[in-house]
N, C-alpha and C. Protein backbone atom coordinates (compact mmCIF):
# COMPACT_ATOMS: atom_id res chain seq x y z
N MET A 1 -82.62 -7.52 30.59
CA MET A 1 -83.17 -6.67 29.55
C MET A 1 -82.40 -6.91 28.26
N GLY A 2 -83.10 -7.13 27.17
CA GLY A 2 -82.48 -7.37 25.88
C GLY A 2 -81.90 -6.10 25.28
N ARG A 3 -80.88 -6.33 24.45
CA ARG A 3 -80.24 -5.19 23.79
C ARG A 3 -79.48 -5.65 22.57
N LEU A 4 -79.17 -4.70 21.71
CA LEU A 4 -78.40 -4.96 20.50
C LEU A 4 -77.15 -4.10 20.55
N THR A 5 -75.98 -4.75 20.40
CA THR A 5 -74.71 -4.04 20.38
C THR A 5 -73.88 -4.52 19.19
N THR A 6 -72.82 -3.76 18.89
CA THR A 6 -71.91 -4.13 17.81
C THR A 6 -70.54 -3.56 18.07
N HIS A 7 -69.57 -4.06 17.36
CA HIS A 7 -68.24 -3.45 17.29
C HIS A 7 -67.60 -3.84 15.96
N VAL A 8 -66.54 -3.11 15.59
CA VAL A 8 -65.89 -3.33 14.30
C VAL A 8 -64.38 -3.48 14.53
N LEU A 9 -63.82 -4.55 13.99
CA LEU A 9 -62.38 -4.77 14.06
C LEU A 9 -61.80 -4.75 12.65
N ASP A 10 -60.73 -3.99 12.46
CA ASP A 10 -60.03 -3.92 11.19
C ASP A 10 -58.97 -5.02 11.21
N THR A 11 -59.27 -6.15 10.61
CA THR A 11 -58.36 -7.30 10.66
C THR A 11 -57.12 -7.09 9.81
N SER A 12 -57.18 -6.20 8.82
CA SER A 12 -56.01 -5.94 7.99
C SER A 12 -54.96 -5.13 8.75
N ALA A 13 -55.42 -4.34 9.70
CA ALA A 13 -54.50 -3.52 10.50
C ALA A 13 -54.27 -4.10 11.89
N GLY A 14 -55.07 -5.09 12.27
CA GLY A 14 -54.93 -5.69 13.59
C GLY A 14 -55.33 -4.77 14.73
N ARG A 15 -56.39 -3.98 14.51
CA ARG A 15 -56.84 -3.03 15.54
C ARG A 15 -58.33 -2.75 15.39
N PRO A 16 -58.92 -2.12 16.41
CA PRO A 16 -60.32 -1.70 16.28
C PRO A 16 -60.47 -0.69 15.15
N ALA A 17 -61.63 -0.68 14.55
CA ALA A 17 -61.92 0.25 13.46
C ALA A 17 -62.68 1.45 14.03
N ALA A 18 -61.98 2.53 14.23
CA ALA A 18 -62.58 3.75 14.79
C ALA A 18 -63.16 4.60 13.66
N GLY A 19 -64.30 5.22 13.93
CA GLY A 19 -64.90 6.15 12.99
C GLY A 19 -65.75 5.54 11.90
N VAL A 20 -66.18 4.30 12.08
CA VAL A 20 -67.06 3.66 11.10
C VAL A 20 -68.51 4.09 11.37
N ARG A 21 -69.15 4.62 10.36
CA ARG A 21 -70.57 4.97 10.49
C ARG A 21 -71.39 3.70 10.35
N ILE A 22 -72.34 3.53 11.27
CA ILE A 22 -73.18 2.33 11.33
C ILE A 22 -74.64 2.78 11.38
N GLU A 23 -75.45 2.21 10.51
CA GLU A 23 -76.88 2.49 10.53
C GLU A 23 -77.63 1.20 10.88
N LEU A 24 -78.72 1.34 11.61
CA LEU A 24 -79.57 0.21 11.97
C LEU A 24 -80.96 0.43 11.41
N PHE A 25 -81.49 -0.62 10.76
CA PHE A 25 -82.83 -0.59 10.19
C PHE A 25 -83.62 -1.78 10.70
N ARG A 26 -84.92 -1.61 10.85
CA ARG A 26 -85.85 -2.73 11.03
C ARG A 26 -86.40 -3.00 9.64
N THR A 27 -86.37 -4.26 9.24
CA THR A 27 -86.86 -4.61 7.91
C THR A 27 -88.11 -5.45 8.04
N GLY A 28 -88.68 -5.80 6.95
CA GLY A 28 -89.93 -6.57 6.93
C GLY A 28 -90.78 -6.01 5.82
N ASP A 29 -92.02 -5.62 6.13
CA ASP A 29 -92.91 -5.04 5.12
C ASP A 29 -92.33 -3.75 4.55
N GLN A 30 -91.70 -2.97 5.43
CA GLN A 30 -91.02 -1.76 4.99
C GLN A 30 -89.75 -1.58 5.81
N LYS A 31 -88.80 -0.86 5.24
CA LYS A 31 -87.51 -0.64 5.90
C LYS A 31 -87.57 0.67 6.68
N LEU A 32 -87.28 0.58 7.98
CA LEU A 32 -87.38 1.73 8.87
C LEU A 32 -86.04 1.96 9.54
N ARG A 33 -85.48 3.14 9.36
CA ARG A 33 -84.20 3.48 9.99
C ARG A 33 -84.44 3.78 11.46
N LEU A 34 -83.70 3.06 12.34
CA LEU A 34 -83.89 3.19 13.78
C LEU A 34 -82.78 3.95 14.48
N ALA A 35 -81.56 3.83 14.00
CA ALA A 35 -80.44 4.44 14.71
C ALA A 35 -79.25 4.62 13.78
N GLU A 36 -78.36 5.51 14.19
CA GLU A 36 -77.08 5.71 13.51
C GLU A 36 -76.05 5.97 14.60
N ALA A 37 -74.84 5.45 14.40
CA ALA A 37 -73.77 5.63 15.38
C ALA A 37 -72.43 5.62 14.65
N ILE A 38 -71.40 6.05 15.37
CA ILE A 38 -70.03 6.03 14.88
C ILE A 38 -69.21 5.22 15.87
N SER A 39 -68.42 4.28 15.36
CA SER A 39 -67.59 3.47 16.27
C SER A 39 -66.52 4.34 16.92
N ASN A 40 -66.24 4.06 18.20
CA ASN A 40 -65.26 4.84 18.95
C ASN A 40 -63.85 4.29 18.72
N ASP A 41 -62.88 4.77 19.48
CA ASP A 41 -61.48 4.34 19.32
C ASP A 41 -61.28 2.85 19.59
N ASP A 42 -62.22 2.25 20.32
CA ASP A 42 -62.16 0.81 20.59
C ASP A 42 -62.99 0.02 19.58
N GLY A 43 -63.50 0.69 18.54
CA GLY A 43 -64.31 0.04 17.51
C GLY A 43 -65.73 -0.25 17.95
N ARG A 44 -66.10 0.24 19.12
CA ARG A 44 -67.43 -0.03 19.68
C ARG A 44 -68.35 1.17 19.57
N VAL A 45 -69.63 0.91 19.69
CA VAL A 45 -70.63 1.97 19.79
C VAL A 45 -70.82 2.23 21.27
N GLU A 46 -70.86 3.49 21.66
CA GLU A 46 -70.86 3.89 23.07
C GLU A 46 -71.99 3.27 23.90
N SER A 47 -73.15 3.08 23.30
CA SER A 47 -74.28 2.51 24.02
C SER A 47 -75.01 1.55 23.09
N PRO A 48 -75.89 0.71 23.62
CA PRO A 48 -76.63 -0.21 22.75
C PRO A 48 -77.37 0.54 21.64
N LEU A 49 -77.41 -0.08 20.46
CA LEU A 49 -78.16 0.50 19.35
C LEU A 49 -79.66 0.45 19.63
N LEU A 50 -80.09 -0.60 20.29
CA LEU A 50 -81.49 -0.75 20.73
C LEU A 50 -81.49 -1.47 22.06
N GLU A 51 -82.44 -1.13 22.91
CA GLU A 51 -82.61 -1.85 24.17
C GLU A 51 -84.00 -1.60 24.71
N GLY A 52 -84.36 -2.38 25.71
CA GLY A 52 -85.65 -2.21 26.37
C GLY A 52 -86.82 -2.46 25.44
N ASP A 53 -87.84 -1.63 25.58
CA ASP A 53 -89.08 -1.80 24.80
C ASP A 53 -88.87 -1.54 23.31
N GLU A 54 -87.82 -0.79 22.95
CA GLU A 54 -87.56 -0.51 21.54
C GLU A 54 -87.01 -1.73 20.80
N PHE A 55 -86.45 -2.68 21.56
CA PHE A 55 -85.85 -3.88 20.99
C PHE A 55 -86.89 -4.99 21.00
N CYS A 56 -87.32 -5.42 19.82
CA CYS A 56 -88.35 -6.46 19.75
C CYS A 56 -87.96 -7.51 18.72
N ALA A 57 -88.64 -8.63 18.76
CA ALA A 57 -88.39 -9.71 17.81
C ALA A 57 -88.66 -9.20 16.39
N GLY A 58 -87.89 -9.71 15.45
CA GLY A 58 -88.09 -9.32 14.06
C GLY A 58 -86.79 -9.37 13.28
N GLU A 59 -86.83 -8.78 12.11
CA GLU A 59 -85.67 -8.77 11.22
C GLU A 59 -85.04 -7.38 11.20
N TYR A 60 -83.71 -7.37 11.30
CA TYR A 60 -82.97 -6.12 11.35
C TYR A 60 -81.85 -6.13 10.31
N GLU A 61 -81.33 -4.94 10.06
CA GLU A 61 -80.22 -4.79 9.12
C GLU A 61 -79.25 -3.75 9.68
N LEU A 62 -77.99 -4.14 9.77
CA LEU A 62 -76.92 -3.21 10.11
C LEU A 62 -76.16 -2.87 8.83
N VAL A 63 -75.91 -1.60 8.62
CA VAL A 63 -75.15 -1.15 7.45
C VAL A 63 -73.88 -0.47 7.97
N PHE A 64 -72.74 -1.07 7.65
CA PHE A 64 -71.44 -0.53 8.05
C PHE A 64 -70.83 0.17 6.84
N HIS A 65 -70.49 1.43 6.97
CA HIS A 65 -69.94 2.21 5.87
C HIS A 65 -68.42 2.01 5.81
N ALA A 66 -68.05 0.83 5.33
CA ALA A 66 -66.65 0.40 5.31
C ALA A 66 -65.82 1.17 4.29
N GLY A 67 -66.38 1.48 3.14
CA GLY A 67 -65.63 2.19 2.11
C GLY A 67 -65.13 3.54 2.57
N ASP A 68 -65.97 4.28 3.28
CA ASP A 68 -65.56 5.58 3.81
C ASP A 68 -64.45 5.41 4.84
N TYR A 69 -64.57 4.39 5.69
CA TYR A 69 -63.54 4.12 6.69
C TYR A 69 -62.20 3.84 6.03
N PHE A 70 -62.17 2.95 5.05
CA PHE A 70 -60.91 2.61 4.40
C PHE A 70 -60.36 3.77 3.57
N ALA A 71 -61.23 4.59 3.01
CA ALA A 71 -60.76 5.77 2.26
C ALA A 71 -59.99 6.72 3.18
N ARG A 72 -60.40 6.79 4.46
CA ARG A 72 -59.71 7.65 5.42
C ARG A 72 -58.46 7.00 6.00
N SER A 73 -58.46 5.68 6.12
CA SER A 73 -57.38 5.02 6.87
C SER A 73 -56.32 4.35 6.02
N GLU A 74 -56.61 4.10 4.76
CA GLU A 74 -55.65 3.41 3.88
C GLU A 74 -54.89 4.43 3.04
N PRO A 75 -53.68 4.08 2.61
CA PRO A 75 -52.96 4.95 1.67
C PRO A 75 -53.78 5.12 0.39
N VAL A 76 -53.52 6.17 -0.31
CA VAL A 76 -54.25 6.44 -1.54
C VAL A 76 -54.08 5.27 -2.50
N SER A 77 -55.18 4.79 -3.01
CA SER A 77 -55.18 3.66 -3.92
C SER A 77 -55.35 4.16 -5.35
N HIS A 78 -54.84 3.40 -6.29
CA HIS A 78 -55.02 3.75 -7.70
C HIS A 78 -56.35 3.24 -8.24
N SER A 79 -57.05 2.44 -7.45
CA SER A 79 -58.33 1.90 -7.88
C SER A 79 -59.41 2.97 -7.78
N LYS A 80 -60.25 3.06 -8.79
CA LYS A 80 -61.34 4.03 -8.77
C LYS A 80 -62.59 3.46 -8.09
N GLN A 81 -62.68 2.16 -8.01
CA GLN A 81 -63.87 1.51 -7.46
C GLN A 81 -63.50 0.77 -6.18
N ARG A 82 -64.27 0.99 -5.13
CA ARG A 82 -64.07 0.27 -3.87
C ARG A 82 -64.59 -1.15 -4.02
N PHE A 83 -63.83 -2.12 -3.52
CA PHE A 83 -64.33 -3.49 -3.53
C PHE A 83 -65.48 -3.63 -2.54
N LEU A 84 -65.29 -3.17 -1.29
CA LEU A 84 -66.36 -3.13 -0.30
C LEU A 84 -66.69 -1.67 -0.01
N ASP A 85 -67.94 -1.32 -0.12
CA ASP A 85 -68.36 0.03 0.22
C ASP A 85 -69.24 -0.02 1.47
N GLN A 86 -70.43 -0.57 1.32
CA GLN A 86 -71.31 -0.76 2.47
C GLN A 86 -71.44 -2.26 2.73
N VAL A 87 -71.18 -2.64 3.97
CA VAL A 87 -71.36 -4.03 4.38
C VAL A 87 -72.71 -4.11 5.08
N VAL A 88 -73.60 -4.92 4.53
CA VAL A 88 -74.96 -5.05 5.06
C VAL A 88 -75.11 -6.42 5.71
N ILE A 89 -75.49 -6.40 6.97
CA ILE A 89 -75.74 -7.65 7.71
C ILE A 89 -77.19 -7.66 8.11
N ARG A 90 -77.95 -8.59 7.54
CA ARG A 90 -79.35 -8.75 7.89
C ARG A 90 -79.46 -9.96 8.81
N PHE A 91 -80.15 -9.78 9.92
CA PHE A 91 -80.24 -10.84 10.92
C PHE A 91 -81.59 -10.80 11.61
N GLY A 92 -81.94 -11.91 12.23
CA GLY A 92 -83.21 -12.03 12.91
C GLY A 92 -83.05 -12.10 14.41
N VAL A 93 -84.03 -11.56 15.12
CA VAL A 93 -84.09 -11.60 16.58
C VAL A 93 -85.33 -12.40 16.97
N ASP A 94 -85.11 -13.52 17.65
CA ASP A 94 -86.23 -14.34 18.13
C ASP A 94 -86.69 -13.92 19.52
N ASP A 95 -85.74 -13.69 20.41
CA ASP A 95 -86.04 -13.41 21.82
C ASP A 95 -85.42 -12.07 22.21
N ALA A 96 -86.23 -11.04 22.24
CA ALA A 96 -85.75 -9.69 22.51
C ALA A 96 -85.36 -9.47 23.96
N SER A 97 -85.49 -10.49 24.80
CA SER A 97 -85.01 -10.36 26.18
C SER A 97 -83.53 -10.71 26.29
N GLU A 98 -82.94 -11.20 25.19
CA GLU A 98 -81.53 -11.60 25.19
C GLU A 98 -80.65 -10.49 24.64
N HIS A 99 -79.35 -10.63 24.88
CA HIS A 99 -78.36 -9.72 24.32
C HIS A 99 -77.93 -10.25 22.96
N TYR A 100 -78.10 -9.46 21.93
CA TYR A 100 -77.63 -9.78 20.59
C TYR A 100 -76.45 -8.87 20.30
N HIS A 101 -75.28 -9.47 20.13
CA HIS A 101 -74.08 -8.72 19.78
C HIS A 101 -73.67 -9.16 18.38
N VAL A 102 -73.61 -8.21 17.44
CA VAL A 102 -73.33 -8.51 16.04
C VAL A 102 -72.07 -7.74 15.63
N PRO A 103 -70.89 -8.34 15.81
CA PRO A 103 -69.66 -7.66 15.45
C PRO A 103 -69.31 -7.85 13.97
N LEU A 104 -68.43 -6.98 13.49
CA LEU A 104 -67.96 -7.06 12.11
C LEU A 104 -66.43 -7.14 12.13
N LEU A 105 -65.90 -8.17 11.50
CA LEU A 105 -64.46 -8.31 11.28
C LEU A 105 -64.24 -7.91 9.83
N LEU A 106 -63.41 -6.89 9.61
CA LEU A 106 -63.39 -6.20 8.34
C LEU A 106 -61.97 -6.04 7.79
N SER A 107 -61.84 -6.20 6.48
CA SER A 107 -60.62 -5.83 5.76
C SER A 107 -61.08 -5.19 4.44
N PRO A 108 -60.19 -4.59 3.66
CA PRO A 108 -60.64 -3.96 2.41
C PRO A 108 -61.26 -4.93 1.40
N PHE A 109 -60.98 -6.26 1.56
CA PHE A 109 -61.44 -7.22 0.56
C PHE A 109 -62.27 -8.37 1.12
N ALA A 110 -62.59 -8.33 2.41
CA ALA A 110 -63.37 -9.42 3.01
C ALA A 110 -63.96 -8.97 4.33
N TYR A 111 -64.99 -9.70 4.77
CA TYR A 111 -65.56 -9.45 6.10
C TYR A 111 -66.20 -10.72 6.61
N SER A 112 -66.41 -10.76 7.93
CA SER A 112 -67.17 -11.85 8.54
C SER A 112 -67.87 -11.30 9.78
N THR A 113 -68.84 -12.06 10.22
CA THR A 113 -69.60 -11.68 11.40
C THR A 113 -70.02 -12.94 12.14
N TYR A 114 -70.55 -12.76 13.31
CA TYR A 114 -71.05 -13.87 14.12
C TYR A 114 -71.95 -13.28 15.20
N ARG A 115 -72.68 -14.13 15.89
CA ARG A 115 -73.44 -13.66 17.03
C ARG A 115 -72.55 -13.80 18.26
N GLY A 116 -72.13 -12.69 18.79
CA GLY A 116 -71.24 -12.68 19.95
C GLY A 116 -72.00 -12.57 21.25
N SER A 117 -71.25 -12.29 22.29
CA SER A 117 -71.87 -12.17 23.62
C SER A 117 -71.50 -10.85 24.27
């Protein structure tokens, strides 16, 4: 059965990023919000964001609220503007019978992602 999962790692601190709000949207002709979750102490979402019949081929967007996370976890900064606020990852699903894992490696000034397993 296909499913979509994610996790967040704070590479600047060398640990999972707990408490990151994550939103999932299906995109295309119109943007539809499908789910919202908060990463746990291990930086993971407790259950798949989508699975089964709800998970289908198409284009999706994950929005990670990184600015709020760093505002809570970093010492007070003198900067008034966040360099990264929302990290948006738009990706496509060809075969909804597969497991799509889309992790985020995050720091206050950079991020990366990949298709994991």
